[in-house]
C-alpha atoms as a PDB file:
ATOM      1  CA  MET A   1      28.516 -10.714 -28.093  1.00  0.00           C
ATOM      2  CA  LEU A   2      25.811  -9.992 -25.534  1.00  0.00           C
ATOM      3  CA  ARG A   3      23.212 -11.710 -27.718  1.00  0.00           C
ATOM      4  CA  ILE A   4      25.398 -14.805 -28.019  1.00  0.00           C
ATOM      5  CA  ASN A   5      25.850 -14.985 -24.234  1.00  0.00           C
ATOM      6  CA  LEU A   6      22.134 -14.453 -23.698  1.00  0.00           C
ATOM      7  CA  PHE A   7      21.322 -17.194 -26.190  1.00  0.00           C
ATOM      8  CA  PHE A   8      23.869 -19.478 -24.495  1.00  0.00           C
ATOM      9  CA  TYR A   9      22.268 -18.966 -21.076  1.00  0.00           C
ATOM     10  CA  ILE A  10      18.730 -19.398 -22.371  1.00  0.00           C
ATOM     11  CA  PHE A  11      19.774 -22.594 -24.146  1.00  0.00           C
ATOM     12  CA  PHE A  12      21.269 -23.978 -20.925  1.00  0.00           C
ATOM     13  CA  LEU A  13      18.214 -22.976 -18.948  1.00  0.00           C
ATOM     14  CA  PHE A  14      16.005 -24.791 -21.427  1.00  0.00           C
ATOM     15  CA  LEU A  15      18.321 -27.791 -21.164  1.00  0.00           C
ATOM     16  CA  ILE A  16      18.072 -27.709 -17.390  1.00  0.00           C
ATOM     17  CA  GLN A  17      14.305 -27.580 -17.494  1.00  0.00           C
ATOM     18  CA  SER A  18      14.029 -30.550 -19.844  1.00  0.00           C
ATOM     19  CA  LYS A  19      16.647 -32.723 -18.090  1.00  0.00           C
ATOM     20  CA  ALA A  20      15.666 -32.049 -14.495  1.00  0.00           C
ATOM     21  CA  GLN A  21      11.987 -32.843 -14.578  1.00  0.00           C
ATOM     22  CA  GLN A  22      12.034 -34.527 -11.177  1.00  0.00           C
ATOM     23  CA  VAL A  23      13.501 -31.408  -9.539  1.00  0.00           C
ATOM     24  CA  LYS A  24      11.238 -28.422  -8.987  1.00  0.00           C
ATOM     25  CA  ILE A  25      13.177 -25.300  -9.905  1.00  0.00           C
ATOM     26  CA  GLU A  26      11.908 -21.828  -9.165  1.00  0.00           C
ATOM     27  CA  GLU A  27      11.623 -19.566 -12.212  1.00  0.00           C
ATOM     28  CA  ALA A  28      13.617 -16.820 -10.484  1.00  0.00           C
ATOM     29  CA  VAL A  29      16.738 -19.023 -10.598  1.00  0.00           C
ATOM     30  CA  TYR A  30      16.559 -19.076 -14.402  1.00  0.00           C
ATOM     31  CA  ASP A  31      16.089 -15.312 -14.486  1.00  0.00           C
ATOM     32  CA  ALA A  32      19.069 -14.787 -12.192  1.00  0.00           C
ATOM     33  CA  PHE A  33      21.385 -16.838 -14.415  1.00  0.00           C
ATOM     34  CA  VAL A  34      20.439 -14.697 -17.397  1.00  0.00           C
ATOM     35  CA  THR A  35      21.674 -11.564 -15.640  1.00  0.00           C
ATOM     36  CA  SER A  36      24.568 -12.958 -13.570  1.00  0.00           C
ATOM     37  CA  GLU A  37      27.286 -15.600 -13.915  1.00  0.00           C
ATOM     38  CA  THR A  38      27.055 -16.741 -10.282  1.00  0.00           C
ATOM     39  CA  VAL A  39      23.782 -17.116  -8.440  1.00  0.00           C
ATOM     40  CA  GLU A  40      22.957 -17.918  -4.833  1.00  0.00           C
ATOM     41  CA  TYR A  41      20.231 -20.553  -4.503  1.00  0.00           C
ATOM     42  CA  ILE A  42      18.896 -23.037  -1.970  1.00  0.00           C
ATOM     43  CA  VAL A  43      18.724 -26.763  -2.710  1.00  0.00           C
ATOM     44  CA  TYR A  44      16.230 -28.731  -0.614  1.00  0.00           C
ATOM     45  CA  LEU A  45      16.970 -32.449  -0.505  1.00  0.00           C
ATOM     46  CA  LYS A  46      14.338 -35.181  -0.670  1.00  0.00           C
ATOM     47  CA  ASP A  47      15.312 -37.326   2.282  1.00  0.00           C
ATOM     48  CA  ARG A  48      14.613 -35.578   5.588  1.00  0.00           C
ATOM     49  CA  ALA A  49      14.602 -36.779   9.180  1.00  0.00           C
ATOM     50  CA  SER A  50      11.184 -37.821  10.437  1.00  0.00           C
ATOM     51  CA  PHE A  51      10.039 -38.107  14.027  1.00  0.00           C
ATOM     52  CA  ARG A  52       6.508 -39.370  13.363  1.00  0.00           C
ATOM     53  CA  GLU A  53       7.062 -42.585  15.281  1.00  0.00           C
ATOM     54  CA  GLY A  54       8.051 -40.612  18.340  1.00  0.00           C
ATOM     55  CA  ILE A  55      11.211 -40.112  20.302  1.00  0.00           C
ATOM     56  CA  PRO A  56      12.203 -43.011  22.578  1.00  0.00           C
ATOM     57  CA  TYR A  57      13.390 -40.855  25.497  1.00  0.00           C
ATOM     58  CA  GLN A  58      11.689 -39.291  28.499  1.00  0.00           C
ATOM     59  CA  LYS A  59      14.137 -36.581  29.575  1.00  0.00           C
ATOM     60  CA  LYS A  60      14.136 -33.308  27.668  1.00  0.00           C
ATOM     61  CA  THR A  61      17.933 -33.265  27.264  1.00  0.00           C
ATOM     62  CA  ASP A  62      17.939 -36.842  25.936  1.00  0.00           C
ATOM     63  CA  LYS A  63      15.207 -35.928  23.445  1.00  0.00           C
ATOM     64  CA  ALA A  64      17.116 -32.825  22.330  1.00  0.00           C
ATOM     65  CA  ASN A  65      20.338 -34.819  21.837  1.00  0.00           C
ATOM     66  CA  PHE A  66      18.479 -37.517  19.904  1.00  0.00           C
ATOM     67  CA  VAL A  67      16.821 -34.975  17.602  1.00  0.00           C
ATOM     68  CA  TYR A  68      20.080 -33.097  17.024  1.00  0.00           C
ATOM     69  CA  ARG A  69      22.054 -36.276  16.275  1.00  0.00           C
ATOM     70  CA  SER A  70      19.301 -37.540  13.955  1.00  0.00           C
ATOM     71  CA  LEU A  71      19.169 -34.284  11.973  1.00  0.00           C
ATOM     72  CA  VAL A  72      22.940 -34.025  11.629  1.00  0.00           C
ATOM     73  CA  GLN A  73      23.319 -37.688  10.663  1.00  0.00           C
ATOM     74  CA  LYS A  74      20.553 -37.493   8.021  1.00  0.00           C
ATOM     75  CA  ALA A  75      21.987 -34.293   6.550  1.00  0.00           C
ATOM     76  CA  GLU A  76      25.558 -35.626   6.442  1.00  0.00           C
ATOM     77  CA  ILE A  77      24.471 -38.810   4.682  1.00  0.00           C
ATOM     78  CA  THR A  78      22.202 -37.175   2.091  1.00  0.00           C
ATOM     79  CA  GLN A  79      24.405 -34.132   1.437  1.00  0.00           C
ATOM     80  CA  LYS A  80      27.687 -36.066   1.288  1.00  0.00           C
ATOM     81  CA  GLU A  81      28.206 -36.301  -2.496  1.00  0.00           C
ATOM     82  CA  ILE A  82      27.077 -32.751  -3.224  1.00  0.00           C
ATOM     83  CA  VAL A  83      29.212 -31.320  -0.413  1.00  0.00           C
ATOM     84  CA  GLU A  84      32.280 -33.259  -1.601  1.00  0.00           C
ATOM     85  CA  TYR A  85      31.782 -31.931  -5.133  1.00  0.00           C
ATOM     86  CA  LEU A  86      31.377 -28.357  -3.901  1.00  0.00           C
ATOM     87  CA  ARG A  87      34.450 -28.588  -1.647  1.00  0.00           C
ATOM     88  CA  SER A  88      36.602 -30.127  -4.375  1.00  0.00           C
ATOM     89  CA  ASN A  89      35.648 -27.307  -6.777  1.00  0.00           C
ATOM     90  CA  ASN A  90      36.052 -24.625  -4.089  1.00  0.00           C
ATOM     91  CA  ILE A  91      32.434 -23.465  -4.387  1.00  0.00           C
ATOM     92  CA  PHE A  92      30.743 -21.542  -1.571  1.00  0.00           C
ATOM     93  CA  PHE A  93      28.019 -23.459   0.270  1.00  0.00           C
ATOM     94  CA  GLN A  94      26.354 -23.620   3.656  1.00  0.00           C
ATOM     95  CA  SER A  95      24.637 -26.677   5.056  1.00  0.00           C
ATOM     96  CA  PHE A  96      21.330 -26.573   6.944  1.00  0.00           C
ATOM     97  CA  TYR A  97      20.529 -29.608   9.075  1.00  0.00           C
ATOM     98  CA  VAL A  98      16.964 -28.917  10.197  1.00  0.00           C
ATOM     99  CA  THR A  99      15.526 -28.576   6.694  1.00  0.00           C
ATOM    100  CA  ASN A 100      18.222 -30.733   5.034  1.00  0.00           C
ATOM    101  CA  ALA A 101      19.123 -28.046   2.550  1.00  0.00           C
ATOM    102  CA  LEU A 102      22.191 -26.394   1.062  1.00  0.00           C
ATOM    103  CA  LEU A 103      22.795 -22.753   0.263  1.00  0.00           C
ATOM    104  CA  VAL A 104      25.008 -22.682  -2.835  1.00  0.00           C
ATOM    105  CA  LYS A 105      26.602 -19.799  -4.732  1.00  0.00           C
ATOM    106  CA  SER A 106      27.786 -21.128  -8.065  1.00  0.00           C
ATOM    107  CA  ASP A 107      27.910 -20.848 -11.823  1.00  0.00           C
ATOM    108  CA  ILE A 108      25.519 -22.497 -14.236  1.00  0.00           C
ATOM    109  CA  GLN A 109      27.622 -25.661 -14.705  1.00  0.00           C
ATOM    110  CA  THR A 110      27.444 -26.479 -11.003  1.00  0.00           C
ATOM    111  CA  PHE A 111      23.759 -25.640 -11.005  1.00  0.00           C
ATOM    112  CA  LEU A 112      23.237 -28.088 -13.880  1.00  0.00           C
ATOM    113  CA  TRP A 113      25.122 -30.785 -12.013  1.00  0.00           C
ATOM    114  CA  ILE A 114      23.092 -30.271  -8.823  1.00  0.00           C
ATOM    115  CA  SER A 115      19.771 -30.105 -10.652  1.00  0.00           C
ATOM    116  CA  LYS A 116      20.430 -33.554 -12.145  1.00  0.00           C
ATOM    117  CA  ARG A 117      21.094 -35.131  -8.754  1.00  0.00           C
ATOM    118  CA  GLU A 118      18.560 -37.604  -7.399  1.00  0.00           C
ATOM    119  CA  GLU A 119      18.877 -36.144  -3.902  1.00  0.00           C
ATOM    120  CA  ALA A 120      17.624 -32.711  -4.941  1.00  0.00           C
ATOM    121  CA  GLU A 121      13.916 -32.013  -4.596  1.00  0.00           C
ATOM    122  CA  TRP A 122      13.503 -28.217  -4.921  1.00  0.00           C
ATOM    123  CA  ILE A 123      15.793 -25.396  -5.954  1.00  0.00           C
ATOM    124  CA  PHE A 124      14.857 -21.871  -4.909  1.00  0.00           C
ATOM    125  CA  TYR A 125      16.460 -18.522  -5.634  1.00  0.00           C
ATOM    126  CA  ASN A 126      17.873 -17.011  -2.444  1.00  0.00           C
ATOM    127  CA  GLN A 127      16.309 -13.598  -2.515  1.00  0.00           C
ATOM    128  CA  PRO A 128      15.390 -11.230   0.287  1.00  0.00           C
ATOM    129  CA  ILE A 129      11.966 -11.797   1.749  1.00  0.00           C
ATOM    130  CA  LYS A 130       9.687  -8.852   1.132  1.00  0.00           C
ATOM    131  CA  LEU A 131       7.671  -7.788   4.106  1.00  0.00           C
ATOM    132  CA  LEU A 132       4.119  -6.615   3.726  1.00  0.00           C
ATOM    133  CA  GLN A 133       3.664  -2.875   3.756  1.00  0.00           C
ATOM    134  CA  TYR A 134       1.081  -1.771   6.239  1.00  0.00           C
ATOM    135  CA  GLU A 135       0.220   1.291   8.255  1.00  0.00           C
ATOM    136  CA  VAL A 136      -1.015   1.280  11.788  1.00  0.00           C
ATOM    137  CA  GLU A 137      -4.197   3.243  12.080  1.00  0.00           C
ATOM    138  CA  LYS A 138      -3.962   5.934  14.691  1.00  0.00           C
ATOM    139  CA  GLU A 139      -6.824   5.986  17.065  1.00  0.00           C
ATOM    140  CA  THR A 140      -8.628   9.279  16.919  1.00  0.00           C
ATOM    141  CA  LEU A 141      -9.315  10.546  20.382  1.00  0.00           C
ATOM    142  CA  ILE A 142     -12.257  12.796  21.058  1.00  0.00           C
ATOM    143  CA  HIS A 143     -11.079  15.624  23.219  1.00  0.00           C
ATOM    144  CA  ARG A 144     -13.371  16.181  26.150  1.00  0.00           C
ATOM    145  CA  GLU A 145     -13.059  17.729  29.494  1.00  0.00           C
ATOM    146  CA  VAL A 146     -13.180  15.181  32.199  1.00  0.00           C
ATOM    147  CA  GLU A 147     -14.366  16.016  35.686  1.00  0.00           C
ATOM    148  CA  PRO A 148     -13.677  13.513  38.431  1.00  0.00           C
ATOM    149  CA  GLU A 149     -17.077  14.184  39.941  1.00  0.00           C
ATOM    150  CA  ARG A 150     -19.904  16.530  39.150  1.00  0.00           C
ATOM    151  CA  GLY A 151     -19.434  19.923  40.660  1.00  0.00           C
ATOM    152  CA  VAL A 152     -15.862  19.405  41.914  1.00  0.00           C
ATOM    153  CA  LYS A 153     -14.637  22.284  39.725  1.00  0.00           C
ATOM    154  CA  MET A 154     -16.736  24.691  41.700  1.00  0.00           C
ATOM    155  CA  ILE A 155     -14.904  24.017  44.979  1.00  0.00           C
ATOM    156  CA  GLN A 156     -12.282  26.601  45.805  1.00  0.00           C
END
C-alpha cells in the first residue's frame, strides 16, 4: 500500500512539473508531498506593485498611505481568485501584501490547482531558515603587571 501511495505522489509530482513549466517550483515542495499529505508552501505572484516612477506626494504620511493603499490594492486584485478558491474549500492561507505572496497549507490537489494558475510565479517550501553556525573568537589577553608610573610601587 505504501508503494502505491508513493507511486501516486511521484506521478502527480511529475505531472505538476510537466504542466506548470511557467511556474518555478522549489524541489523541496515535491519532497515534502512525498512524506506528508498537507504541506505549507509560499506562492509568489507575478504582478507586484512598482514605485519606480516615484510617489506623487511630499509629506511622509501621504507617501506612507499611498504605498500602503497601492500594495493592498495590488495584492487584493491579483490574489482574488486564489483566495476565493482557498476560502471556499476551507484551506488555511495567509496573505502578504508587501511581496504579493500567499502562505498556503494544503493537499496536493490544491497545490496542482495553484501551480497551474497564471498569477503564480514561484512556489517555495516554507521551511525554517537555518542560521550559520559560527563561534566568536575570544581575545587572548596577555597578563602583565601595569604600573601607573615608573617607581610608584616603591612609595609607601
